[in-house]
Amino acid sequence: MKISIITKSLLVLILTISSIFCSGQTTATTIEGYVFDKVTKTPLPYAVVIFTNTGVYATCNEDGKFQISTNRDIESLEIRYLGYQSKKVSKDFFSLNSILYLEESSTNLKEVVLNASKEDLYKLLYKLIKKYRRKNDVINNKAYFNLSSKTGDVPLEHFDGLYNSSQQLSKGISRLDLKTGRFGQNQLFPFYSLNYVYLLRNFSLFGNINHMLPQYPGNMSLSEIKKYYNLKLITKGNDHDVAISFLPKDENKEVFSGELLFQKEELILKKIEIFIEHPNRFKLMPIVKNDSSSINKLNLNVIFNPIDFNRIQYFNIEFDLNYYSGYHSGKTKKNIKTTAILYLYDYDDQFTKPYFTNTIKFTNDYEKLLALPISNKIWNENYPYPKSEENIEIVDFFKERNYLHSYIESEIPLKAAVYITRSSLLWSNERKLTFGDIANGPGVNLNFSYALNFFENSDDKFIYTLKTLFDRESSFFLATRYAPDIDRINLAFDIYELFRYHLLEQINASMSIQEIKDLSNTVSLKAKILVNQMLFETVLIIDSEILSESEIFFKAQVLNKWKDKIHNELDKYRLDSNKNGAE
């Protein structure tokens, strides 16, 4: 059959258009590079890199490195950093250069001789504070919390967490709910910064309420500010931005020193910087009895987003403290430095909350984190910006020593989390429950739960983790216990794990998240019915009376049959544990 020239041309045209269309749908533009200070040649951490006219932007890590991708057509990038001149470059800039340098807005900061009275300065500060006390709009966003503690160059702990967060300019962080994460702990010197995330969550930016940290002018009335502080007005080298610094009149008054940076004409706050040295009344209480600590210095910075100053970009907190410990033998003193950042991103968006088929009450984020382990693949896909070299080194330090928790690729010994009380335990073939894991009670109440955690992958499809948990907090067993009873309890755990595999078999790619949750509840109920049947058929005590020896022997045979049946089926599933996209 002959094909005309016109037909051939049409075919070529159609194929070309289709190719371009498909390429536009699937190929993203990815740009990466570094943002440095032009004079010092040092990184500018958390600088913002914007694809102009798209609303897409990325944040640099601690090394000044960024990576940004979009499917949209772009022509240029804009780089912003607080206190520096913004810069626009073509989209090809980072193809030819690995580093972009920014210049400070002014390198000559100077104090201004005030024409106005001190009274006017107090009024200006309080006018700013009152404005922000009225800013009660709630902004939901995702949050990343990173914390590291060291003594000298030796890492003591590391915490990475992804959260759902809510912020208000009046209050600061009004909600922080852990999605997932991981933490490392040096077993040679267990040290937990359990309170740091709570310090940030409870710190009120402009409320006059009590919180764990010392107060600063944003928490005070006008009369209190006048009573406790001397103020100075400082220009920042341009016609718009000024800072009011505040220093305590009485050095013995335990309040923060610092400054507020803002745009004077419209009273737009850009940065809060506060610090305190050697506080006596504010202390961090060690979780180890007879240990103690003293704070040398505490710094807290609040940075507002340079794209939209009505949104907080991140909190940065630094502690320098002396820790007095008798962990091994004798009293030792260690100087510990802790740095933490709470970075807020994806405004007006949230992670899907973890789901438990039975409610589990976690006393802190460490406990919840241990119940929600994730794979390295999921973690990397949800990390908000490129990992810094220091972060990689610290994580590798804990990973190599088997100190990294909530990490699916490795089994973490329970003794590694020395001072964390586990409200729940993950099912493990290597570690079985003991009587010490279960409280005494008037009867038998064994609570198990499936933990579901959903994540979006790079294809905008969701993947999930599904784990079986034993809820220690709400479970109890008869105080009168016999050796076979622990086998019965572990068998109940095994039954729930077996039904987890049944659940994985029934989940398919077309199901919604809600449908998976509903199915999980149904399967959990079926597991509970079978567990109750097993417990009834293997019971050793009836009406508070122990059975006879012959009856106990018979019950032991029944229990063995149950164990053989459940374990044989469970072993078959465990040989092929990768089901339906679950991790």
Protein backbone atom coordinates (compact mmCIF):
# COMPACT_ATOMS: atom_id res chain seq x y z
CA MET A 1 0.00 0.00 0.00
CA LYS A 2 1.36 3.41 -0.97
CA ILE A 3 1.36 6.24 1.53
CA SER A 4 1.18 9.75 0.15
CA ILE A 5 3.69 12.45 1.05
CA ILE A 6 0.92 14.38 2.83
CA THR A 7 -0.02 11.31 4.88
CA LYS A 8 3.63 10.74 5.78
CA SER A 9 3.95 14.37 6.85
CA LEU A 10 0.85 14.11 8.99
CA LEU A 11 2.16 10.95 10.64
CA VAL A 12 5.49 12.60 11.37
CA LEU A 13 3.71 15.68 12.73
CA ILE A 14 1.40 13.62 14.96
CA LEU A 15 4.29 11.52 16.28
CA THR A 16 6.39 14.62 16.94
CA ILE A 17 3.58 16.37 18.82
CA SER A 18 2.87 13.21 20.81
CA SER A 19 6.54 12.88 21.69
CA ILE A 20 6.73 16.48 22.85
CA PHE A 21 3.50 16.14 24.82
CA CYS A 22 4.63 12.96 26.56
CA SER A 23 8.02 14.45 27.30
CA GLY A 24 6.40 17.52 28.84
CA GLN A 25 4.31 15.31 31.08
CA THR A 26 7.04 13.06 32.38
CA THR A 27 10.33 14.99 32.24
CA ALA A 28 11.01 17.36 35.10
CA THR A 29 13.62 20.09 35.14
CA THR A 30 16.02 19.45 38.01
CA ILE A 31 18.58 22.00 39.14
CA GLU A 32 21.02 21.71 42.02
CA GLY A 33 23.81 23.83 43.39
CA TYR A 34 25.11 25.79 46.37
CA VAL A 35 24.45 29.25 47.82
CA PHE A 36 27.39 30.93 49.62
CA ASP A 37 28.31 34.26 51.20
CA LYS A 38 30.33 36.26 48.67
CA VAL A 39 32.85 37.59 51.19
CA THR A 40 33.37 34.70 53.61
CA LYS A 41 32.82 31.95 51.01
CA THR A 42 30.77 30.04 53.58
CA PRO A 43 27.39 28.33 53.06
CA LEU A 44 24.11 30.16 53.65
CA PRO A 45 21.97 27.47 55.28
CA TYR A 46 18.22 27.56 54.57
CA ALA A 47 18.51 30.08 51.75
CA VAL A 48 15.46 29.89 49.47
CA VAL A 49 15.74 29.14 45.74
CA ILE A 50 12.61 30.00 43.74
CA PHE A 51 11.54 29.00 40.24
CA THR A 52 10.18 32.42 39.28
CA ASN A 53 6.48 32.67 38.44
CA THR A 54 5.78 29.05 39.44
CA GLY A 55 5.34 29.04 43.23
CA VAL A 56 7.89 26.21 43.36
CA TYR A 57 10.88 26.69 45.63
CA ALA A 58 13.53 24.76 47.51
CA THR A 59 15.52 25.33 50.68
CA CYS A 60 19.26 24.89 51.06
CA ASN A 61 20.60 22.50 53.66
CA GLU A 62 23.29 23.28 56.24
CA ASP A 63 25.94 23.03 53.51
CA GLY A 64 24.13 25.61 51.37
CA LYS A 65 23.14 22.87 48.91
CA PHE A 66 19.74 22.74 47.22
CA GLN A 67 17.97 20.56 44.67
CA ILE A 68 14.77 21.64 42.96
CA SER A 69 12.57 19.98 40.33
CA THR A 70 9.46 21.00 38.41
CA ASN A 71 7.54 20.01 35.29
CA ARG A 72 6.72 23.64 34.52
CA ASP A 73 8.48 25.84 31.98
CA ILE A 74 10.93 28.16 33.72
CA GLU A 75 13.20 30.97 32.61
CA SER A 76 14.95 32.09 35.77
CA LEU A 77 15.66 31.48 39.44
CA GLU A 78 15.52 33.89 42.36
CA ILE A 79 17.62 33.28 45.47
CA ARG A 80 16.70 34.91 48.78
CA TYR A 81 18.34 34.94 52.18
CA LEU A 82 17.51 37.15 55.13
CA GLY A 83 19.94 40.06 55.43
CA TYR A 84 21.27 39.55 51.90
CA GLN A 85 20.48 41.07 48.52
CA SER A 86 18.19 38.82 46.49
CA LYS A 87 19.57 37.67 43.17
CA LYS A 88 17.96 36.50 39.91
CA VAL A 89 19.82 34.24 37.49
CA SER A 90 18.91 32.34 34.34
CA LYS A 91 17.82 28.73 34.57
CA ASP A 92 21.16 27.74 32.99
CA PHE A 93 23.29 29.43 35.67
CA PHE A 94 23.88 26.25 37.67
CA SER A 95 24.74 24.29 34.53
CA LEU A 96 27.85 26.46 34.30
CA ASN A 97 28.43 27.26 38.00
CA SER A 98 28.12 25.07 41.06
CA ILE A 99 28.01 27.97 43.55
CA LEU A 100 26.02 31.21 43.59
CA TYR A 101 27.29 33.99 45.87
CA LEU A 102 25.03 36.47 47.66
CA GLU A 103 26.06 39.83 49.10
CA GLU A 104 24.91 41.16 52.44
CA SER A 105 22.42 44.02 52.29
CA SER A 106 24.98 46.04 54.24
CA THR A 107 28.24 45.05 55.86
CA ASN A 108 28.32 48.14 58.07
CA LEU A 109 25.65 47.83 60.70
CA LYS A 110 25.43 50.94 62.84
CA GLU A 111 23.52 52.05 65.88
CA VAL A 112 21.24 55.00 65.28
CA VAL A 113 21.16 58.01 67.56
CA LEU A 114 17.47 58.27 68.28
CA ASN A 115 15.73 61.54 67.66
CA ALA A 116 12.67 60.12 69.39
CA SER A 117 12.51 59.56 73.11
CA LYS A 118 13.04 56.21 74.77
CA GLU A 119 9.32 56.24 75.47
CA ASP A 120 8.66 56.25 71.72
CA LEU A 121 10.96 53.26 71.28
CA TYR A 122 9.11 51.26 73.93
CA LYS A 123 5.84 52.20 72.23
CA LEU A 124 7.18 51.13 68.82
CA LEU A 125 8.22 47.75 70.17
CA TYR A 126 4.91 47.23 71.92
CA LYS A 127 2.99 48.30 68.81
CA LEU A 128 4.78 45.52 66.92
CA ILE A 129 4.03 43.01 69.68
CA LYS A 130 0.33 43.95 69.82
CA LYS A 131 0.02 43.58 66.06
CA TYR A 132 1.35 40.02 66.19
CA ARG A 133 -0.78 39.08 69.17
CA ARG A 134 -3.78 39.59 66.89
CA LYS A 135 -2.42 37.30 64.16
CA ASN A 136 -4.32 34.15 65.09
CA ASP A 137 -4.80 32.59 61.65
CA VAL A 138 -3.81 28.92 61.70
CA ILE A 139 -1.51 27.68 58.95
CA ASN A 140 -1.12 23.92 58.60
CA ASN A 141 2.12 22.62 57.17
CA LYS A 142 4.61 19.81 57.24
CA ALA A 143 7.60 20.07 59.56
CA TYR A 144 11.02 18.50 59.81
CA PHE A 145 12.77 18.36 63.18
CA ASN A 146 16.48 17.59 63.35
CA LEU A 147 18.51 17.42 66.56
CA SER A 148 22.10 16.40 67.26
CA SER A 149 24.02 16.33 70.53
CA LYS A 150 27.78 15.94 70.85
CA THR A 151 30.43 15.95 73.50
CA GLY A 152 33.53 17.20 71.72
CA ASP A 153 33.45 15.44 68.34
CA VAL A 154 31.66 12.35 69.64
CA PRO A 155 27.96 12.07 68.70
CA LEU A 156 25.70 11.28 71.66
CA GLU A 157 22.31 11.34 69.99
CA HIS A 158 20.60 12.16 66.75
CA PHE A 159 16.91 12.66 66.04
CA ASP A 160 15.20 13.12 62.68
CA GLY A 161 11.43 13.50 62.63
CA LEU A 162 8.71 14.37 60.14
CA TYR A 163 5.64 16.05 61.64
CA ASN A 164 2.28 17.53 60.86
CA SER A 165 2.36 21.04 62.25
CA SER A 166 0.16 24.07 62.79
CA GLN A 167 1.57 27.56 63.27
CA GLN A 168 0.15 30.89 64.34
CA LEU A 169 2.12 34.12 64.30
CA SER A 170 0.65 34.98 67.69
CA LYS A 171 1.49 31.70 69.40
CA GLY A 172 4.19 30.06 67.32
CA ILE A 173 3.78 26.29 66.99
CA SER A 174 0.32 25.28 68.15
CA ARG A 175 0.56 21.62 67.06
CA LEU A 176 3.28 19.07 66.31
CA ASP A 177 2.21 15.48 65.58
CA LEU A 178 4.92 12.97 64.69
CA LYS A 179 4.54 11.20 61.36
CA THR A 180 7.71 9.14 61.44
CA GLY A 181 11.44 9.44 61.96
CA ARG A 182 14.51 7.79 63.41
CA PHE A 183 16.94 8.43 66.22
CA GLY A 184 20.38 7.29 67.20
CA GLN A 185 21.81 6.94 70.68
CA ASN A 186 25.38 6.35 71.80
CA GLN A 187 25.12 3.41 74.19
CA LEU A 188 28.35 4.40 75.91
CA PHE A 189 26.68 7.55 77.20
CA PRO A 190 22.89 7.50 76.89
CA PHE A 191 21.58 11.03 76.49
CA TYR A 192 18.06 12.00 75.47
CA SER A 193 16.87 15.49 74.61
CA LEU A 194 13.30 14.48 75.30
CA ASN A 195 12.06 18.01 75.98
CA TYR A 196 13.50 20.02 73.10
CA VAL A 197 10.65 19.51 70.65
CA TYR A 198 8.21 20.29 73.48
CA LEU A 199 10.12 23.49 74.29
CA LEU A 200 9.48 24.72 70.76
CA ARG A 201 5.90 23.49 70.72
CA ASN A 202 5.09 25.26 73.99
CA PHE A 203 7.05 28.45 73.39
CA SER A 204 4.59 31.30 72.85
CA LEU A 205 5.91 33.96 70.48
CA PHE A 206 3.62 36.77 71.60
CA GLY A 207 1.38 35.40 74.31
CA ASN A 208 1.74 36.37 77.95
CA ILE A 209 1.20 32.77 79.03
CA ASN A 210 3.59 30.61 81.01
CA HIS A 211 5.85 28.28 79.10
CA MET A 212 8.94 26.23 79.91
CA LEU A 213 11.45 28.77 78.61
CA PRO A 214 12.31 32.17 80.14
CA GLN A 215 10.31 35.17 78.93
CA TYR A 216 11.23 37.89 76.46
CA PRO A 217 9.42 41.16 75.52
CA GLY A 218 6.93 39.32 73.29
CA ASN A 219 5.53 37.66 76.42
CA MET A 220 5.27 40.84 78.49
CA SER A 221 3.07 43.88 78.98
CA LEU A 222 4.37 47.35 78.14
CA SER A 223 4.97 48.14 81.80
CA GLU A 224 6.94 44.91 82.26
CA ILE A 225 9.11 45.65 79.22
CA LYS A 226 9.90 49.10 80.63
CA LYS A 227 10.66 47.57 84.01
CA TYR A 228 13.00 44.82 82.84
CA TYR A 229 14.67 46.03 79.62
CA ASN A 230 16.86 48.69 78.05
CA LEU A 231 16.18 49.09 74.33
CA LYS A 232 18.26 50.21 71.35
CA LEU A 233 17.25 50.81 67.74
CA ILE A 234 19.67 49.49 65.12
CA THR A 235 19.56 50.09 61.37
CA LYS A 236 20.35 47.25 59.01
CA GLY A 237 21.90 49.23 56.18
CA ASN A 238 18.76 49.87 54.17
CA ASP A 239 15.78 52.21 54.30
CA HIS A 240 13.31 49.60 55.46
CA ASP A 241 14.64 47.15 58.04
CA VAL A 242 15.48 47.98 61.64
CA ALA A 243 16.11 45.93 64.75
CA ILE A 244 15.22 46.64 68.35
CA SER A 245 17.68 45.05 70.72
CA PHE A 246 16.72 44.39 74.33
CA LEU A 247 19.04 43.79 77.27
CA PRO A 248 17.93 43.16 80.88
CA LYS A 249 18.43 46.06 83.26
CA ASP A 250 19.08 43.56 86.04
CA GLU A 251 21.52 40.77 85.16
CA ASN A 252 20.00 38.63 87.89
CA LYS A 253 16.57 38.72 86.24
CA GLU A 254 16.29 35.49 84.24
CA VAL A 255 14.82 36.78 81.00
CA PHE A 256 16.03 36.50 77.42
CA SER A 257 18.23 39.10 75.76
CA GLY A 258 18.09 39.55 72.01
CA GLU A 259 16.63 41.54 69.15
CA LEU A 260 13.65 41.70 66.81
CA LEU A 261 14.32 42.46 63.14
CA PHE A 262 11.40 44.00 61.26
CA GLN A 263 10.32 46.29 58.44
CA LYS A 264 9.58 49.54 60.22
CA GLU A 265 6.91 51.16 58.03
CA GLU A 266 4.50 48.22 57.96
CA LEU A 267 5.77 46.46 61.12
CA ILE A 268 6.57 43.20 59.31
CA LEU A 269 8.60 40.88 61.51
CA LYS A 270 11.46 39.02 59.85
CA LYS A 271 13.50 37.48 62.66
CA ILE A 272 13.45 36.90 66.42
CA GLU A 273 16.82 36.25 68.03
CA ILE A 274 17.00 35.59 71.79
CA PHE A 275 19.57 34.12 74.17
CA ILE A 276 20.30 33.63 77.86
CA GLU A 277 23.45 32.61 79.75
CA HIS A 278 23.75 30.58 82.95
CA PRO A 279 20.09 30.57 84.00
CA ASN A 280 19.57 29.22 87.51
CA ARG A 281 15.81 28.68 87.63
CA PHE A 282 15.40 27.23 84.14
CA LYS A 283 16.86 23.72 84.12
CA LEU A 284 16.70 20.55 82.06
CA MET A 285 16.00 17.65 84.39
CA PRO A 286 18.02 14.49 83.60
CA ILE A 287 16.03 11.27 83.32
CA VAL A 288 18.76 9.37 85.17
CA LYS A 289 18.46 9.54 88.94
CA ASN A 290 21.28 11.43 90.67
CA ASP A 291 22.51 12.97 87.40
CA SER A 292 22.39 16.75 87.01
CA SER A 293 23.00 19.46 84.45
CA SER A 294 23.65 23.19 84.24
CA ILE A 295 23.01 25.36 81.18
CA ASN A 296 25.85 27.56 79.99
CA LYS A 297 23.97 29.20 77.13
CA LEU A 298 20.71 28.87 75.24
CA ASN A 299 20.10 30.50 71.83
CA LEU A 300 16.75 30.51 70.04
CA ASN A 301 16.11 32.02 66.60
CA VAL A 302 12.80 32.28 64.76
CA ILE A 303 13.13 33.01 61.04
CA PHE A 304 10.16 34.12 58.95
CA ASN A 305 9.83 32.96 55.35
CA PRO A 306 11.48 35.45 52.91
CA ILE A 307 8.85 34.52 50.30
CA ASP A 308 5.99 35.36 52.66
CA PHE A 309 6.87 36.94 56.01
CA ASN A 310 3.44 35.99 57.35
CA ARG A 311 4.72 32.44 57.68
CA ILE A 312 7.43 31.03 59.91
CA GLN A 313 10.20 29.26 57.99
CA TYR A 314 12.14 27.67 60.84
CA PHE A 315 13.14 27.66 64.50
CA ASN A 316 16.76 27.12 65.45
CA ILE A 317 17.75 26.26 69.01
CA GLU A 318 21.21 25.71 70.51
CA PHE A 319 22.04 24.46 73.99
CA ASP A 320 25.44 24.44 75.64
CA LEU A 321 25.32 22.59 78.96
CA ASN A 322 27.43 20.69 81.45
CA TYR A 323 26.14 17.23 82.29
CA TYR A 324 27.18 15.49 85.49
CA SER A 325 26.72 11.74 85.24
CA GLY A 326 27.46 8.61 87.20
CA TYR A 327 26.28 6.33 84.39
CA HIS A 328 29.16 3.84 84.58
CA SER A 329 31.01 4.50 87.80
CA GLY A 330 31.96 7.65 89.62
CA LYS A 331 30.87 11.16 88.74
CA THR A 332 31.83 12.47 85.32
CA LYS A 333 31.36 15.87 83.73
CA LYS A 334 30.76 16.29 80.03
CA ASN A 335 30.18 19.45 78.07
CA ILE A 336 27.32 18.75 75.67
CA LYS A 337 26.35 20.91 72.73
CA THR A 338 22.94 20.38 71.16
CA THR A 339 21.70 21.98 67.96
CA ALA A 340 18.17 21.56 66.64
CA ILE A 341 16.09 22.96 63.81
CA LEU A 342 12.36 22.81 63.26
CA TYR A 343 11.88 23.55 59.56
CA LEU A 344 8.33 24.26 58.33
CA TYR A 345 7.43 23.61 54.69
CA ASP A 346 4.66 22.64 52.25
CA TYR A 347 2.33 25.26 53.72
CA ASP A 348 -1.36 24.34 53.63
CA ASP A 349 -0.44 20.68 53.15
CA GLN A 350 -0.15 17.79 55.61
CA PHE A 351 1.04 14.21 55.79
CA THR A 352 -1.58 11.50 56.08
CA LYS A 353 -1.74 10.70 59.80
CA PRO A 354 -0.52 7.30 61.01
CA TYR A 355 -3.47 5.03 61.68
CA PHE A 356 -3.85 2.47 64.46
CA THR A 357 -6.70 -0.04 64.51
CA ASN A 358 -6.69 0.30 68.31
CA THR A 359 -5.78 3.57 70.00
CA ILE A 360 -2.30 3.57 71.54
CA LYS A 361 -1.25 6.31 73.95
CA PHE A 362 2.38 7.32 73.48
CA THR A 363 4.03 9.33 76.25
CA ASN A 364 6.65 10.91 73.95
CA ASP A 365 7.79 11.01 70.34
CA TYR A 366 10.55 8.45 70.91
CA GLU A 367 7.97 5.80 71.81
CA LYS A 368 5.81 6.63 68.80
CA LEU A 369 8.82 6.63 66.51
CA LEU A 370 9.76 3.11 67.62
CA ALA A 371 6.26 1.94 66.69
CA LEU A 372 6.47 3.39 63.16
CA PRO A 373 9.69 2.15 61.52
CA ILE A 374 10.30 3.01 57.88
CA SER A 375 12.69 1.94 55.15
CA ASN A 376 15.58 4.03 53.94
CA LYS A 377 13.81 4.40 50.58
CA ILE A 378 10.72 5.99 52.13
CA TRP A 379 12.84 8.23 54.34
CA ASN A 380 14.91 9.54 51.43
CA GLU A 381 11.82 10.25 49.31
CA ASN A 382 10.27 12.33 52.09
CA TYR A 383 13.36 14.23 53.25
CA PRO A 384 12.59 17.95 52.73
CA TYR A 385 15.98 19.03 51.35
CA PRO A 386 19.37 17.47 50.49
CA LYS A 387 21.07 15.82 53.45
CA SER A 388 24.08 17.69 54.76
CA GLU A 389 27.48 16.02 54.99
CA GLU A 390 27.35 16.24 58.79
CA ASN A 391 23.91 14.64 58.90
CA ILE A 392 25.12 11.75 56.73
CA GLU A 393 28.22 11.24 58.88
CA ILE A 394 26.24 11.22 62.14
CA VAL A 395 23.60 8.82 60.82
CA ASP A 396 26.34 6.52 59.50
CA PHE A 397 28.01 6.64 62.92
CA PHE A 398 24.86 5.33 64.62
CA LYS A 399 23.96 2.93 61.82
CA GLU A 400 27.37 1.23 61.81
CA ARG A 401 27.18 0.70 65.57
CA ASN A 402 23.59 -0.58 65.43
CA TYR A 403 22.43 2.44 67.41
CA LEU A 404 19.90 3.69 64.84
CA HIS A 405 16.29 3.12 65.83
CA SER A 406 13.11 2.92 63.75
CA TYR A 407 15.10 1.64 60.80
CA ILE A 408 13.58 -1.34 59.01
CA GLU A 409 16.83 -2.54 57.44
CA SER A 410 18.35 -3.45 60.82
CA GLU A 411 17.22 -5.16 64.01
CA ILE A 412 17.76 -2.89 67.01
CA PRO A 413 18.36 -4.58 70.37
CA LEU A 414 15.90 -3.49 73.02
CA LYS A 415 18.70 -2.65 75.44
CA ALA A 416 19.83 0.08 73.02
CA ALA A 417 16.95 2.32 74.11
CA VAL A 418 18.06 2.30 77.72
CA TYR A 419 15.73 4.84 79.30
CA ILE A 420 12.74 4.78 76.97
CA THR A 421 9.66 3.06 78.33
CA ARG A 422 7.98 1.36 75.41
CA SER A 423 4.22 1.72 75.47
CA SER A 424 4.06 -0.69 72.55
CA LEU A 425 6.22 -3.44 71.07
CA LEU A 426 6.59 -4.43 67.43
CA TRP A 427 6.13 -8.07 66.52
CA SER A 428 9.51 -9.73 66.15
CA ASN A 429 10.45 -13.31 65.37
CA GLU A 430 13.69 -12.89 67.33
CA ARG A 431 12.34 -11.19 70.44
CA LYS A 432 9.27 -12.67 72.13
CA LEU A 433 7.18 -11.17 74.90
CA THR A 434 8.01 -11.93 78.52
CA PHE A 435 5.88 -11.66 81.64
CA GLY A 436 7.79 -8.46 82.38
CA ASP A 437 6.16 -6.86 79.33
CA ILE A 438 2.65 -7.27 80.74
CA ALA A 439 1.14 -5.66 83.83
CA ASN A 440 -0.80 -7.64 86.43
CA GLY A 441 -4.56 -7.30 86.25
CA PRO A 442 -7.85 -8.73 87.46
CA GLY A 443 -8.29 -10.78 84.29
CA VAL A 444 -6.90 -11.07 80.79
CA ASN A 445 -6.86 -8.09 78.45
CA LEU A 446 -4.46 -8.34 75.51
CA ASN A 447 -4.58 -5.40 73.11
CA PHE A 448 -2.98 -5.62 69.70
CA SER A 449 -3.06 -3.11 66.87
CA TYR A 450 -2.10 -2.71 63.27
CA ALA A 451 -0.08 0.44 62.58
CA LEU A 452 -0.55 1.90 59.10
CA ASN A 453 1.59 4.75 57.83
CA PHE A 454 0.95 6.14 54.34
CA PHE A 455 3.44 8.08 52.22
CA GLU A 456 3.43 9.59 48.75
CA ASN A 457 6.23 8.34 46.53
CA SER A 458 7.96 10.13 43.65
CA ASP A 459 5.11 9.14 41.29
CA ASP A 460 2.51 10.81 43.52
CA LYS A 461 1.13 7.39 44.44
CA PHE A 462 0.94 6.25 48.02
CA ILE A 463 2.92 3.48 49.59
CA TYR A 464 2.52 2.34 53.14
CA THR A 465 4.05 0.52 56.07
CA LEU A 466 1.98 -2.02 57.99
CA LYS A 467 3.18 -3.34 61.35
CA THR A 468 1.73 -5.42 64.18
CA LEU A 469 1.94 -3.90 67.68
CA PHE A 470 1.32 -5.12 71.20
CA ASP A 471 -0.05 -2.32 73.38
CA ARG A 472 1.67 -2.74 76.74
CA GLU A 473 0.03 0.32 78.26
CA SER A 474 -3.55 -1.01 78.15
CA SER A 475 -2.85 -4.76 78.36
CA PHE A 476 -2.79 -6.85 81.51
CA PHE A 477 -2.82 -10.50 82.58
CA LEU A 478 -3.71 -12.44 85.71
CA ALA A 479 -1.25 -12.03 88.56
CA THR A 480 -1.31 -15.83 88.96
CA ARG A 481 0.74 -16.94 85.98
CA TYR A 482 2.08 -20.25 84.75
CA ALA A 483 4.84 -21.00 82.27
CA PRO A 484 2.46 -21.97 79.42
CA ASP A 485 0.69 -18.61 79.76
CA ILE A 486 3.55 -16.70 78.14
CA ASP A 487 3.36 -19.11 75.18
CA ARG A 488 -0.35 -18.34 74.90
CA ILE A 489 0.33 -14.59 74.96
CA ASN A 490 3.03 -14.85 72.29
CA LEU A 491 0.79 -17.08 70.20
CA ALA A 492 -1.88 -14.38 70.33
CA PHE A 493 0.73 -11.92 69.02
CA ASP A 494 1.64 -14.42 66.27
CA ILE A 495 -2.01 -14.74 65.23
CA TYR A 496 -2.23 -10.99 64.71
CA GLU A 497 1.00 -11.08 62.70
CA LEU A 498 -0.42 -13.91 60.57
CA PHE A 499 -3.54 -11.87 59.90
CA ARG A 500 -1.31 -8.96 58.92
CA TYR A 501 -0.20 -11.09 55.98
CA HIS A 502 -3.83 -11.91 55.24
CA LEU A 503 -4.46 -8.18 55.19
CA LEU A 504 -1.57 -7.56 52.80
CA GLU A 505 -3.00 -10.14 50.43
CA GLN A 506 -6.36 -8.40 50.34
CA ILE A 507 -5.05 -4.88 49.74
CA ASN A 508 -4.86 -3.91 46.08
CA ALA A 509 -3.61 -0.89 44.16
CA SER A 510 -7.09 0.42 43.38
CA MET A 511 -8.06 0.83 47.04
CA SER A 512 -8.22 4.22 48.70
CA ILE A 513 -6.55 4.98 52.02
CA GLN A 514 -9.92 4.91 53.79
CA GLU A 515 -10.76 1.53 52.24
CA ILE A 516 -7.45 0.14 53.51
CA LYS A 517 -8.19 1.49 56.99
CA ASP A 518 -11.66 -0.10 56.96
CA LEU A 519 -10.25 -3.42 55.78
CA SER A 520 -7.60 -3.27 58.52
CA ASN A 521 -10.33 -2.88 61.14
CA THR A 522 -12.18 -5.88 59.72
CA VAL A 523 -9.08 -8.08 59.67
CA SER A 524 -8.13 -6.97 63.18
CA LEU A 525 -11.55 -8.05 64.42
CA LYS A 526 -11.14 -11.47 62.78
CA ALA A 527 -7.74 -11.88 64.44
CA LYS A 528 -9.26 -10.95 67.80
CA ILE A 529 -11.99 -13.59 67.42
CA LEU A 530 -9.41 -16.29 66.68
CA VAL A 531 -7.22 -15.16 69.60
CA ASN A 532 -10.18 -15.37 71.98
CA GLN A 533 -10.94 -18.87 70.72
CA MET A 534 -7.33 -19.94 71.27
CA LEU A 535 -7.21 -18.44 74.77
CA PHE A 536 -10.47 -20.17 75.69
CA GLU A 537 -9.33 -23.59 74.46
CA THR A 538 -5.96 -23.37 76.24
CA VAL A 539 -7.01 -21.77 79.53
CA LEU A 540 -5.35 -23.21 82.67
CA ILE A 541 -7.51 -21.53 85.32
CA ILE A 542 -11.29 -21.76 85.47
CA ASP A 543 -13.24 -19.90 88.17
CA SER A 544 -9.95 -19.11 89.97
CA GLU A 545 -9.10 -22.82 90.22
CA ILE A 546 -6.06 -24.38 88.56
CA LEU A 547 -6.86 -27.43 86.42
CA SER A 548 -5.79 -30.95 87.34
CA GLU A 549 -2.53 -32.39 86.03
CA SER A 550 -4.31 -34.49 83.42
CA GLU A 551 -6.31 -31.48 82.26
CA ILE A 552 -3.16 -29.36 82.11
CA PHE A 553 -1.49 -32.09 80.01
CA PHE A 554 -4.47 -32.08 77.65
CA LYS A 555 -4.41 -28.27 77.41
CA ALA A 556 -0.70 -28.42 76.60
CA GLN A 557 -1.45 -30.72 73.67
CA VAL A 558 -4.17 -28.35 72.47
CA LEU A 559 -1.76 -25.41 72.75
CA ASN A 560 0.89 -27.28 70.74
CA LYS A 561 -1.63 -27.95 67.97
CA TRP A 562 -2.49 -24.26 67.87
CA LYS A 563 1.19 -23.35 67.76
CA ASP A 564 1.94 -25.81 64.95
CA LYS A 565 -0.97 -24.54 62.88
CA ILE A 566 -0.24 -20.83 63.30
CA HIS A 567 3.54 -21.06 63.03
CA ASN A 568 3.49 -23.27 59.93
CA GLU A 569 1.24 -20.83 58.13
CA LEU A 570 3.16 -17.82 59.40
CA ASP A 571 6.49 -19.28 58.27
CA LYS A 572 5.15 -19.71 54.73
CA TYR A 573 4.21 -16.04 54.57
CA ARG A 574 7.49 -14.86 56.05
CA LEU A 575 9.40 -16.49 53.17
CA ASP A 576 7.76 -13.96 50.86
CA SER A 577 7.29 -10.84 52.95
CA ASN A 578 7.14 -8.22 50.17
CA LYS A 579 3.46 -7.78 49.42
CA ASN A 580 1.55 -5.13 47.48
CA GLY A 581 3.90 -2.19 47.93
CA ALA A 582 3.94 -2.30 51.72
CA GLU A 583 7.27 -1.75 53.45
